[in-house]
Amino acid sequence: MAMYWDITEIKVQNDTSIWVRFQDGVEGVVQFLPTAFRGVFAGLREPDAFRLARIEDGVLTWPGELDLAPDAMHAAIAAHGKWVLD
């Protein structure tokens, strides 16, 4: 069952940001600040790795089982047009 926060489309904008559109039509940008590239996300510092972003079951993911919470992303983008990760 699709949820309103399921992601339906993405476009990698550059090495640190991705435009997303949700099932309910909300759209905006996920922006990684340099400090967000730590821990499990450290490998995404590499532009080629960051650009491997894809949608899997309505979730923004990368190889290696990395993903971002779509409900939190939706809430931030609906409120501010952007979700900034730091």
PDB file of N, CA and C in Angstrom:
ATOM      1  N   MET A   1       0.842  -1.180   0.000  1.00  0.00           N
ATOM      2  CA  MET A   1       0.000   0.000   0.000  1.00  0.00           C
ATOM      3  C   MET A   1       0.889   1.245   0.000  1.00  0.00           C
ATOM      4  N   ALA A   2       0.655   2.114  -0.968  1.00  0.00           N
ATOM      5  CA  ALA A   2       1.456   3.334  -1.068  1.00  0.00           C
ATOM      6  C   ALA A   2       1.076   4.313   0.038  1.00  0.00           C
ATOM      7  N   MET A   3       2.078   4.973   0.563  1.00  0.00           N
ATOM      8  CA  MET A   3       1.878   6.000   1.584  1.00  0.00           C
ATOM      9  C   MET A   3       2.125   7.364   0.946  1.00  0.00           C
ATOM     10  N   TYR A   4       1.543   8.392   1.506  1.00  0.00           N
ATOM     11  CA  TYR A   4       1.698   9.731   0.935  1.00  0.00           C
ATOM     12  C   TYR A   4       3.155  10.167   0.889  1.00  0.00           C
ATOM     13  N   TRP A   5       3.984   9.618   1.765  1.00  0.00           N
ATOM     14  CA  TRP A   5       5.395  10.016   1.776  1.00  0.00           C
ATOM     15  C   TRP A   5       6.268   9.131   0.893  1.00  0.00           C
ATOM     16  N   ASP A   6       5.667   8.208   0.142  1.00  0.00           N
ATOM     17  CA  ASP A   6       6.453   7.416  -0.798  1.00  0.00           C
ATOM     18  C   ASP A   6       7.023   8.342  -1.873  1.00  0.00           C
ATOM     19  N   ILE A   7       8.284   8.177  -2.166  1.00  0.00           N
ATOM     20  CA  ILE A   7       8.948   8.973  -3.192  1.00  0.00           C
ATOM     21  C   ILE A   7       8.663   8.348  -4.550  1.00  0.00           C
ATOM     22  N   THR A   8       8.288   9.194  -5.518  1.00  0.00           N
ATOM     23  CA  THR A   8       7.959   8.700  -6.853  1.00  0.00           C
ATOM     24  C   THR A   8       8.965   9.126  -7.915  1.00  0.00           C
ATOM     25  N   GLU A   9       9.771  10.153  -7.608  1.00  0.00           N
ATOM     26  CA  GLU A   9      10.732  10.643  -8.597  1.00  0.00           C
ATOM     27  C   GLU A   9      11.873  11.342  -7.875  1.00  0.00           C
ATOM     28  N   ILE A  10      13.090  11.162  -8.400  1.00  0.00           N
ATOM     29  CA  ILE A  10      14.257  11.878  -7.873  1.00  0.00           C
ATOM     30  C   ILE A  10      15.101  12.384  -9.029  1.00  0.00           C
ATOM     31  N   LYS A  11      15.849  13.451  -8.768  1.00  0.00           N
ATOM     32  CA  LYS A  11      16.852  13.958  -9.710  1.00  0.00           C
ATOM     33  C   LYS A  11      18.039  14.422  -8.889  1.00  0.00           C
ATOM     34  N   VAL A  12      19.180  13.771  -9.092  1.00  0.00           N
ATOM     35  CA  VAL A  12      20.398  14.225  -8.422  1.00  0.00           C
ATOM     36  C   VAL A  12      20.772  15.560  -9.049  1.00  0.00           C
ATOM     37  N   GLN A  13      20.861  16.604  -8.229  1.00  0.00           N
ATOM     38  CA  GLN A  13      21.146  17.952  -8.729  1.00  0.00           C
ATOM     39  C   GLN A  13      22.636  18.244  -8.819  1.00  0.00           C
ATOM     40  N   ASN A  14      23.367  17.743  -7.856  1.00  0.00           N
ATOM     41  CA  ASN A  14      24.820  17.939  -7.818  1.00  0.00           C
ATOM     42  C   ASN A  14      25.388  16.915  -6.844  1.00  0.00           C
ATOM     43  N   ASP A  15      26.573  17.156  -6.321  1.00  0.00           N
ATOM     44  CA  ASP A  15      27.235  16.171  -5.464  1.00  0.00           C
ATOM     45  C   ASP A  15      26.719  16.147  -4.031  1.00  0.00           C
ATOM     46  N   THR A  16      25.793  17.043  -3.691  1.00  0.00           N
ATOM     47  CA  THR A  16      25.300  17.095  -2.312  1.00  0.00           C
ATOM     48  C   THR A  16      23.783  17.263  -2.205  1.00  0.00           C
ATOM     49  N   SER A  17      23.065  17.335  -3.316  1.00  0.00           N
ATOM     50  CA  SER A  17      21.617  17.546  -3.206  1.00  0.00           C
ATOM     51  C   SER A  17      20.833  16.742  -4.241  1.00  0.00           C
ATOM     52  N   ILE A  18      19.623  16.376  -3.825  1.00  0.00           N
ATOM     53  CA  ILE A  18      18.727  15.581  -4.657  1.00  0.00           C
ATOM     54  C   ILE A  18      17.330  16.186  -4.575  1.00  0.00           C
ATOM     55  N   TRP A  19      16.728  16.422  -5.723  1.00  0.00           N
ATOM     56  CA  TRP A  19      15.331  16.859  -5.782  1.00  0.00           C
ATOM     57  C   TRP A  19      14.460  15.604  -5.697  1.00  0.00           C
ATOM     58  N   VAL A  20      13.383  15.675  -4.910  1.00  0.00           N
ATOM     59  CA  VAL A  20      12.479  14.533  -4.755  1.00  0.00           C
ATOM     60  C   VAL A  20      11.026  14.974  -4.934  1.00  0.00           C
ATOM     61  N   ARG A  21      10.194  14.056  -5.418  1.00  0.00           N
ATOM     62  CA  ARG A  21       8.749  14.263  -5.476  1.00  0.00           C
ATOM     63  C   ARG A  21       8.092  13.062  -4.779  1.00  0.00           C
ATOM     64  N   PHE A  22       7.086  13.382  -3.963  1.00  0.00           N
ATOM     65  CA  PHE A  22       6.378  12.364  -3.207  1.00  0.00           C
ATOM     66  C   PHE A  22       5.049  11.999  -3.870  1.00  0.00           C
ATOM     67  N   GLN A  23       4.490  10.890  -3.429  1.00  0.00           N
ATOM     68  CA  GLN A  23       3.220  10.371  -3.914  1.00  0.00           C
ATOM     69  C   GLN A  23       2.125  11.439  -3.912  1.00  0.00           C
ATOM     70  N   ASP A  24       2.103  12.295  -2.896  1.00  0.00           N
ATOM     71  CA  ASP A  24       1.039  13.291  -2.769  1.00  0.00           C
ATOM     72  C   ASP A  24       1.341  14.601  -3.507  1.00  0.00           C
ATOM     73  N   GLY A  25       2.443  14.636  -4.262  1.00  0.00           N
ATOM     74  CA  GLY A  25       2.781  15.820  -5.047  1.00  0.00           C
ATOM     75  C   GLY A  25       3.734  16.792  -4.375  1.00  0.00           C
ATOM     76  N   VAL A  26       3.993  16.632  -3.082  1.00  0.00           N
ATOM     77  CA  VAL A  26       4.976  17.481  -2.398  1.00  0.00           C
ATOM     78  C   VAL A  26       6.336  17.229  -3.049  1.00  0.00           C
ATOM     79  N   GLU A  27       7.082  18.311  -3.281  1.00  0.00           N
ATOM     80  CA  GLU A  27       8.408  18.167  -3.864  1.00  0.00           C
ATOM     81  C   GLU A  27       9.353  19.183  -3.250  1.00  0.00           C
ATOM     82  N   GLY A  28      10.626  18.848  -3.279  1.00  0.00           N
ATOM     83  CA  GLY A  28      11.640  19.727  -2.720  1.00  0.00           C
ATOM     84  C   GLY A  28      13.005  19.084  -2.789  1.00  0.00           C
ATOM     85  N   VAL A  29      13.938  19.627  -2.030  1.00  0.00           N
ATOM     86  CA  VAL A  29      15.339  19.228  -2.116  1.00  0.00           C
ATOM     87  C   VAL A  29      15.821  18.630  -0.800  1.00  0.00           C
ATOM     88  N   VAL A  30      16.583  17.550  -0.927  1.00  0.00           N
ATOM     89  CA  VAL A  30      17.327  16.978   0.195  1.00  0.00           C
ATOM     90  C   VAL A  30      18.758  17.470   0.028  1.00  0.00           C
ATOM     91  N   GLN A  31      19.257  18.219   1.003  1.00  0.00           N
ATOM     92  CA  GLN A  31      20.594  18.817   0.931  1.00  0.00           C
ATOM     93  C   GLN A  31      21.482  18.228   2.015  1.00  0.00           C
ATOM     94  N   PHE A  32      22.583  17.628   1.611  1.00  0.00           N
ATOM     95  CA  PHE A  32      23.581  17.122   2.551  1.00  0.00           C
ATOM     96  C   PHE A  32      24.607  18.211   2.802  1.00  0.00           C
ATOM     97  N   LEU A  33      24.771  18.628   4.043  1.00  0.00           N
ATOM     98  CA  LEU A  33      25.888  19.501   4.403  1.00  0.00           C
ATOM     99  C   LEU A  33      27.134  18.634   4.545  1.00  0.00           C
ATOM    100  N   PRO A  34      28.326  19.209   4.461  1.00  0.00           N
ATOM    101  CA  PRO A  34      29.547  18.403   4.576  1.00  0.00           C
ATOM    102  C   PRO A  34      29.583  17.539   5.836  1.00  0.00           C
ATOM    103  N   THR A  35      29.023  18.026   6.930  1.00  0.00           N
ATOM    104  CA  THR A  35      29.040  17.264   8.177  1.00  0.00           C
ATOM    105  C   THR A  35      28.124  16.034   8.143  1.00  0.00           C
ATOM    106  N   ALA A  36      27.239  15.946   7.153  1.00  0.00           N
ATOM    107  CA  ALA A  36      26.337  14.790   7.060  1.00  0.00           C
ATOM    108  C   ALA A  36      27.048  13.555   6.509  1.00  0.00           C
ATOM    109  N   PHE A  37      28.174  13.764   5.850  1.00  0.00           N
ATOM    110  CA  PHE A  37      28.913  12.652   5.254  1.00  0.00           C
ATOM    111  C   PHE A  37      29.835  12.007   6.279  1.00  0.00           C
ATOM    112  N   ARG A  38      29.235  11.385   7.282  1.00  0.00           N
ATOM    113  CA  ARG A  38      29.989  10.695   8.339  1.00  0.00           C
ATOM    114  C   ARG A  38      29.272   9.380   8.648  1.00  0.00           C
ATOM    115  N   GLY A  39      29.912   8.556   9.415  1.00  0.00           N
ATOM    116  CA  GLY A  39      29.309   7.265   9.770  1.00  0.00           C
ATOM    117  C   GLY A  39      28.977   6.469   8.520  1.00  0.00           C
ATOM    118  N   VAL A  40      27.776   5.890   8.479  1.00  0.00           N
ATOM    119  CA  VAL A  40      27.377   5.056   7.336  1.00  0.00           C
ATOM    120  C   VAL A  40      27.298   5.853   6.033  1.00  0.00           C
ATOM    121  N   PHE A  41      27.158   7.174   6.142  1.00  0.00           N
ATOM    122  CA  PHE A  41      27.047   8.013   4.945  1.00  0.00           C
ATOM    123  C   PHE A  41      28.397   8.559   4.457  1.00  0.00           C
ATOM    124  N   ALA A  42      29.493   8.202   5.099  1.00  0.00           N
ATOM    125  CA  ALA A  42      30.818   8.720   4.729  1.00  0.00           C
ATOM    126  C   ALA A  42      31.154   8.423   3.278  1.00  0.00           C
ATOM    127  N   GLY A  43      30.797   7.268   2.779  1.00  0.00           N
ATOM    128  CA  GLY A  43      31.103   6.902   1.394  1.00  0.00           C
ATOM    129  C   GLY A  43      30.402   7.769   0.363  1.00  0.00           C
ATOM    130  N   LEU A  44      29.302   8.416   0.751  1.00  0.00           N
ATOM    131  CA  LEU A  44      28.566   9.261  -0.187  1.00  0.00           C
ATOM    132  C   LEU A  44      29.276  10.588  -0.453  1.00  0.00           C
ATOM    133  N   ARG A  45      30.375  10.830   0.282  1.00  0.00           N
ATOM    134  CA  ARG A  45      31.213  11.998   0.009  1.00  0.00           C
ATOM    135  C   ARG A  45      31.762  11.942  -1.417  1.00  0.00           C
ATOM    136  N   GLU A  46      31.940  10.718  -1.907  1.00  0.00           N
ATOM    137  CA  GLU A  46      32.431  10.522  -3.275  1.00  0.00           C
ATOM    138  C   GLU A  46      31.282  10.797  -4.246  1.00  0.00           C
ATOM    139  N   PRO A  47      31.460  11.761  -5.171  1.00  0.00           N
ATOM    140  CA  PRO A  47      30.377  12.112  -6.092  1.00  0.00           C
ATOM    141  C   PRO A  47      29.792  10.925  -6.855  1.00  0.00           C
ATOM    142  N   ASP A  48      30.638  10.000  -7.304  1.00  0.00           N
ATOM    143  CA  ASP A  48      30.127   8.851  -8.050  1.00  0.00           C
ATOM    144  C   ASP A  48      29.212   7.986  -7.185  1.00  0.00           C
ATOM    145  N   ALA A  49      29.537   7.864  -5.909  1.00  0.00           N
ATOM    146  CA  ALA A  49      28.693   7.092  -4.985  1.00  0.00           C
ATOM    147  C   ALA A  49      27.388   7.829  -4.710  1.00  0.00           C
ATOM    148  N   PHE A  50      27.457   9.136  -4.490  1.00  0.00           N
ATOM    149  CA  PHE A  50      26.258   9.926  -4.207  1.00  0.00           C
ATOM    150  C   PHE A  50      25.275   9.837  -5.367  1.00  0.00           C
ATOM    151  N   ARG A  51      25.793   9.831  -6.574  1.00  0.00           N
ATOM    152  CA  ARG A  51      24.957   9.819  -7.766  1.00  0.00           C
ATOM    153  C   ARG A  51      24.302   8.467  -8.031  1.00  0.00           C
ATOM    154  N   LEU A  52      24.593   7.476  -7.223  1.00  0.00           N
ATOM    155  CA  LEU A  52      23.938   6.165  -7.349  1.00  0.00           C
ATOM    156  C   LEU A  52      22.589   6.125  -6.634  1.00  0.00           C
ATOM    157  N   ALA A  53      22.117   7.274  -6.182  1.00  0.00           N
ATOM    158  CA  ALA A  53      20.813   7.354  -5.504  1.00  0.00           C
ATOM    159  C   ALA A  53      19.723   6.783  -6.391  1.00  0.00           C
ATOM    160  N   ARG A  54      18.775   6.083  -5.756  1.00  0.00           N
ATOM    161  CA  ARG A  54      17.657   5.503  -6.491  1.00  0.00           C
ATOM    162  C   ARG A  54      16.461   5.397  -5.557  1.00  0.00           C
ATOM    163  N   ILE A  55      15.326   5.056  -6.129  1.00  0.00           N
ATOM    164  CA  ILE A  55      14.114   4.829  -5.342  1.00  0.00           C
ATOM    165  C   ILE A  55      13.904   3.330  -5.229  1.00  0.00           C
ATOM    166  N   GLU A  56      13.698   2.871  -4.007  1.00  0.00           N
ATOM    167  CA  GLU A  56      13.400   1.462  -3.761  1.00  0.00           C
ATOM    168  C   GLU A  56      12.231   1.393  -2.795  1.00  0.00           C
ATOM    169  N   ASP A  57      11.125   0.858  -3.262  1.00  0.00           N
ATOM    170  CA  ASP A  57       9.913   0.755  -2.446  1.00  0.00           C
ATOM    171  C   ASP A  57       9.505   2.103  -1.850  1.00  0.00           C
ATOM    172  N   GLY A  58       9.622   3.175  -2.639  1.00  0.00           N
ATOM    173  CA  GLY A  58       9.197   4.489  -2.188  1.00  0.00           C
ATOM    174  C   GLY A  58      10.179   5.211  -1.293  1.00  0.00           C
ATOM    175  N   VAL A  59      11.395   4.669  -1.162  1.00  0.00           N
ATOM    176  CA  VAL A  59      12.407   5.226  -0.257  1.00  0.00           C
ATOM    177  C   VAL A  59      13.644   5.614  -1.066  1.00  0.00           C
ATOM    178  N   LEU A  60      14.257   6.747  -0.730  1.00  0.00           N
ATOM    179  CA  LEU A  60      15.519   7.159  -1.338  1.00  0.00           C
ATOM    180  C   LEU A  60      16.626   6.293  -0.757  1.00  0.00           C
ATOM    181  N   THR A  61      17.325   5.567  -1.640  1.00  0.00           N
ATOM    182  CA  THR A  61      18.345   4.623  -1.183  1.00  0.00           C
ATOM    183  C   THR A  61      19.618   4.744  -2.007  1.00  0.00           C
ATOM    184  N   TRP A  62      20.674   4.122  -1.479  1.00  0.00           N
ATOM    185  CA  TRP A  62      21.942   3.956  -2.168  1.00  0.00           C
ATOM    186  C   TRP A  62      22.396   2.520  -1.949  1.00  0.00           C
ATOM    187  N   PRO A  63      23.290   2.032  -2.795  1.00  0.00           N
ATOM    188  CA  PRO A  63      23.842   0.687  -2.565  1.00  0.00           C
ATOM    189  C   PRO A  63      24.453   0.580  -1.169  1.00  0.00           C
ATOM    190  N   GLY A  64      24.431  -0.608  -0.615  1.00  0.00           N
ATOM    191  CA  GLY A  64      24.962  -0.838   0.720  1.00  0.00           C
ATOM    192  C   GLY A  64      23.904  -0.673   1.787  1.00  0.00           C
ATOM    193  N   GLU A  65      22.640  -0.736   1.375  1.00  0.00           N
ATOM    194  CA  GLU A  65      21.505  -0.649   2.292  1.00  0.00           C
ATOM    195  C   GLU A  65      21.427   0.688   3.023  1.00  0.00           C
ATOM    196  N   LEU A  66      21.857   1.764   2.355  1.00  0.00           N
ATOM    197  CA  LEU A  66      21.721   3.109   2.922  1.00  0.00           C
ATOM    198  C   LEU A  66      20.388   3.688   2.481  1.00  0.00           C
ATOM    199  N   ASP A  67      19.703   4.352   3.383  1.00  0.00           N
ATOM    200  CA  ASP A  67      18.460   5.011   3.017  1.00  0.00           C
ATOM    201  C   ASP A  67      18.180   6.160   3.969  1.00  0.00           C
ATOM    202  N   LEU A  68      17.196   6.979   3.560  1.00  0.00           N
ATOM    203  CA  LEU A  68      16.756   8.103   4.385  1.00  0.00           C
ATOM    204  C   LEU A  68      15.281   7.918   4.718  1.00  0.00           C
ATOM    205  N   ALA A  69      14.884   8.313   5.912  1.00  0.00           N
ATOM    206  CA  ALA A  69      13.501   8.147   6.367  1.00  0.00           C
ATOM    207  C   ALA A  69      12.565   9.022   5.533  1.00  0.00           C
ATOM    208  N   PRO A  70      11.681   8.422   4.737  1.00  0.00           N
ATOM    209  CA  PRO A  70      10.826   9.236   3.872  1.00  0.00           C
ATOM    210  C   PRO A  70       9.790  10.056   4.632  1.00  0.00           C
ATOM    211  N   ASP A  71       9.344   9.585   5.791  1.00  0.00           N
ATOM    212  CA  ASP A  71       8.344  10.351   6.544  1.00  0.00           C
ATOM    213  C   ASP A  71       8.952  11.639   7.105  1.00  0.00           C
ATOM    214  N   ALA A  72      10.167  11.560   7.644  1.00  0.00           N
ATOM    215  CA  ALA A  72      10.847  12.760   8.157  1.00  0.00           C
ATOM    216  C   ALA A  72      11.196  13.702   7.013  1.00  0.00           C
ATOM    217  N   MET A  73      11.635  13.134   5.879  1.00  0.00           N
ATOM    218  CA  MET A  73      11.958  13.931   4.710  1.00  0.00           C
ATOM    219  C   MET A  73      10.724  14.681   4.221  1.00  0.00           C
ATOM    220  N   HIS A  74       9.604  13.979   4.130  1.00  0.00           N
ATOM    221  CA  HIS A  74       8.346  14.585   3.670  1.00  0.00           C
ATOM    222  C   HIS A  74       7.936  15.732   4.596  1.00  0.00           C
ATOM    223  N   ALA A  75       7.994  15.508   5.892  1.00  0.00           N
ATOM    224  CA  ALA A  75       7.587  16.540   6.859  1.00  0.00           C
ATOM    225  C   ALA A  75       8.426  17.802   6.698  1.00  0.00           C
ATOM    226  N   ALA A  76       9.739  17.647   6.572  1.00  0.00           N
ATOM    227  CA  ALA A  76      10.627  18.810   6.439  1.00  0.00           C
ATOM    228  C   ALA A  76      10.393  19.536   5.123  1.00  0.00           C
ATOM    229  N   ILE A  77      10.252  18.786   4.039  1.00  0.00           N
ATOM    230  CA  ILE A  77      10.055  19.410   2.730  1.00  0.00           C
ATOM    231  C   ILE A  77       8.690  20.068   2.651  1.00  0.00           C
ATOM    232  N   ALA A  78       7.669  19.448   3.207  1.00  0.00           N
ATOM    233  CA  ALA A  78       6.332  20.053   3.206  1.00  0.00           C
ATOM    234  C   ALA A  78       6.335  21.373   3.982  1.00  0.00           C
ATOM    235  N   ALA A  79       7.127  21.439   5.046  1.00  0.00           N
ATOM    236  CA  ALA A  79       7.175  22.639   5.882  1.00  0.00           C
ATOM    237  C   ALA A  79       8.115  23.712   5.334  1.00  0.00           C
ATOM    238  N   HIS A  80       9.257  23.294   4.744  1.00  0.00           N
ATOM    239  CA  HIS A  80      10.308  24.246   4.408  1.00  0.00           C
ATOM    240  C   HIS A  80      10.773  24.193   2.951  1.00  0.00           C
ATOM    241  N   GLY A  81      10.293  23.218   2.182  1.00  0.00           N
ATOM    242  CA  GLY A  81      10.735  23.076   0.796  1.00  0.00           C
ATOM    243  C   GLY A  81      12.076  22.406   0.657  1.00  0.00           C
ATOM    244  N   LYS A  82      12.687  22.072   1.799  1.00  0.00           N
ATOM    245  CA  LYS A  82      14.035  21.507   1.800  1.00  0.00           C
ATOM    246  C   LYS A  82      14.231  20.706   3.080  1.00  0.00           C
ATOM    247  N   TRP A  83      15.028  19.642   2.981  1.00  0.00           N
ATOM    248  CA  TRP A  83      15.449  18.897   4.170  1.00  0.00           C
ATOM    249  C   TRP A  83      16.963  18.954   4.184  1.00  0.00           C
ATOM    250  N   VAL A  84      17.504  19.632   5.161  1.00  0.00           N
ATOM    251  CA  VAL A  84      18.945  19.809   5.269  1.00  0.00           C
ATOM    252  C   VAL A  84      19.479  18.809   6.289  1.00  0.00           C
ATOM    253  N   LEU A  85      20.407  17.981   5.829  1.00  0.00           N
ATOM    254  CA  LEU A  85      21.033  16.981   6.699  1.00  0.00           C
ATOM    255  C   LEU A  85      22.415  17.477   7.098  1.00  0.00           C
ATOM    256  N   ASP A  86      22.656  17.474   8.423  1.00  0.00           N
ATOM    257  CA  ASP A  86      23.977  17.932   8.882  1.00  0.00           C
ATOM    258  C   ASP A  86      24.580  16.968   9.867  1.00  0.00           C
TER     259      ASP A  86
END
